[in-house]
């Protein structure tokens, strides 16, 4: 499985962005999918994730109510819709595919990772 993240950019605080994670190689419909981010001098942290068919989503407390994870099975793509962005959301965002049908907060459950897309939120 190859994952390609895109959609990052520079946005003002309060703005919105939608990140996409396109999977290729095989379908990821049976995999939990996650989004993580890593800011400068920080550890990679969980942002949100979505389970396989049925698409139950989970979120970090820091983004709950502002970010939404969704998936399009036909396009083999997962999205991260980000709203009410804050400067502290600035980071490189990574998508990942779990070995299991369920997303989770731990990086260890994810086998496949995208290359990351930069999100910068100006104040």
Protein backbone atom coordinates (compact mmCIF):
# COMPACT_ATOMS: atom_id res chain seq x y z
CA UNK A 1 0.00 0.00 0.00
CA UNK A 2 1.28 3.44 -0.92
CA UNK A 3 -0.25 6.51 0.69
CA UNK A 4 -0.06 9.98 -0.79
CA UNK A 5 -1.06 12.89 1.43
CA UNK A 6 -1.88 16.25 -0.06
CA UNK A 7 -3.78 19.47 0.59
CA UNK A 8 -1.51 21.19 3.05
CA UNK A 9 -0.65 24.84 2.83
CA UNK A 10 -0.58 28.21 4.55
CA UNK A 11 -3.80 29.44 6.12
CA UNK A 12 -4.76 32.15 8.57
CA UNK A 13 -6.02 31.33 12.02
CA UNK A 14 -9.71 30.53 11.91
CA UNK A 15 -9.47 29.19 8.39
CA UNK A 16 -10.02 25.74 6.97
CA UNK A 17 -8.13 23.14 4.97
CA UNK A 18 -8.95 19.69 3.71
CA UNK A 19 -6.22 17.10 3.55
CA UNK A 20 -6.49 14.06 1.34
CA UNK A 21 -4.79 10.70 1.62
CA UNK A 22 -4.98 8.65 -1.55
CA UNK A 23 -4.13 4.97 -1.27
CA UNK A 24 -2.80 2.89 -4.12
CA UNK A 25 -1.57 -0.64 -4.50
CA UNK A 26 -4.68 -2.16 -3.01
CA UNK A 27 -7.92 -1.10 -1.41
CA UNK A 28 -7.76 0.06 2.19
CA UNK A 29 -11.48 -0.36 2.82
CA UNK A 30 -10.76 -3.04 5.43
CA UNK A 31 -8.11 -0.99 7.22
CA UNK A 32 -8.42 1.53 9.97
CA UNK A 33 -6.91 4.81 8.81
CA UNK A 34 -5.28 7.48 10.92
CA UNK A 35 -3.98 11.02 10.74
CA UNK A 36 -1.01 12.11 12.80
CA UNK A 37 0.97 15.31 12.98
CA UNK A 38 4.43 16.33 14.02
CA UNK A 39 5.39 19.88 14.83
CA UNK A 40 8.91 21.23 15.02
CA UNK A 41 10.79 19.71 17.96
CA UNK A 42 7.74 17.66 18.90
CA UNK A 43 6.83 14.01 18.87
CA UNK A 44 4.37 12.64 16.37
CA UNK A 45 0.87 12.80 17.81
CA UNK A 46 -2.46 11.27 16.91
CA UNK A 47 -5.01 13.63 15.38
CA UNK A 48 -7.92 11.48 14.24
CA UNK A 49 -8.79 8.17 12.70
CA UNK A 50 -11.57 6.22 11.13
CA UNK A 51 -12.47 2.56 11.28
CA UNK A 52 -13.22 0.29 8.34
CA UNK A 53 -16.68 -0.09 6.83
CA UNK A 54 -19.13 1.85 8.96
CA UNK A 55 -16.52 4.55 9.43
CA UNK A 56 -16.64 5.25 13.16
CA UNK A 57 -14.21 8.09 13.82
CA UNK A 58 -12.09 8.99 16.84
CA UNK A 59 -10.27 12.23 17.61
CA UNK A 60 -7.67 13.74 19.85
CA UNK A 61 -9.16 16.08 22.41
CA UNK A 62 -7.20 18.98 20.94
CA UNK A 63 -9.06 18.77 17.62
CA UNK A 64 -12.44 17.40 18.65
CA UNK A 65 -15.22 19.54 17.24
CA UNK A 66 -12.88 21.22 14.72
CA UNK A 67 -11.54 18.34 12.62
CA UNK A 68 -13.47 15.62 10.80
CA UNK A 69 -12.12 12.40 9.33
CA UNK A 70 -14.03 10.78 6.49
CA UNK A 71 -13.37 8.24 3.78
CA UNK A 72 -14.49 7.63 0.22
CA UNK A 73 -14.36 3.91 -0.47
CA UNK A 74 -14.82 4.31 -4.20
CA UNK A 75 -11.82 6.64 -4.41
CA UNK A 76 -9.76 4.70 -1.85
CA UNK A 77 -9.14 8.03 -0.16
CA UNK A 78 -9.35 9.35 3.38
CA UNK A 79 -9.87 13.00 4.22
CA UNK A 80 -9.13 15.27 7.15
CA UNK A 81 -11.33 18.34 7.14
CA UNK A 82 -9.81 20.97 9.41
CA UNK A 83 -11.75 24.03 10.54
CA UNK A 84 -11.19 26.83 13.04
CA UNK A 85 -7.47 26.30 12.62
CA UNK A 86 -5.11 27.61 15.27
CA UNK A 87 -1.39 28.41 15.10
CA UNK A 88 -0.75 25.40 17.33
CA UNK A 89 -2.14 23.18 14.57
CA UNK A 90 0.96 23.99 12.53
CA UNK A 91 2.73 20.72 11.76
CA UNK A 92 3.49 18.14 9.12
CA UNK A 93 0.46 15.91 8.79
CA UNK A 94 0.78 12.21 8.00
CA UNK A 95 -1.80 9.64 7.07
CA UNK A 96 -1.38 6.00 7.94
CA UNK A 97 -3.08 2.65 7.35
CA UNK A 98 -3.55 0.28 10.25
CA UNK A 99 -2.93 -3.45 10.10
CA UNK A 100 -6.32 -3.88 11.75
CA UNK A 101 -9.82 -2.71 10.79
CA UNK A 102 -9.71 -0.17 13.58
CA UNK A 103 -8.01 3.15 13.99
CA UNK A 104 -6.24 3.93 17.24
CA UNK A 105 -4.03 6.50 18.86
CA UNK A 106 -0.83 4.46 18.93
CA UNK A 107 1.59 4.68 16.02
CA UNK A 108 2.54 1.03 16.42
CA UNK A 109 -0.70 -0.27 14.94
CA UNK A 110 -0.07 1.49 11.64
CA UNK A 111 1.94 -0.32 9.00
CA UNK A 112 1.83 2.06 6.07
CA UNK A 113 2.61 5.78 6.18
CA UNK A 114 2.32 8.62 3.71
CA UNK A 115 5.07 11.15 3.17
CA UNK A 116 3.43 14.04 5.03
CA UNK A 117 2.00 17.37 4.01
CA UNK A 118 2.84 20.67 5.71
CA UNK A 119 0.15 22.77 7.34
CA UNK A 120 1.08 26.22 8.55
CA UNK A 121 -1.42 28.39 10.41
CA UNK A 122 -0.53 32.06 10.79
CA UNK A 123 -1.83 34.20 13.61
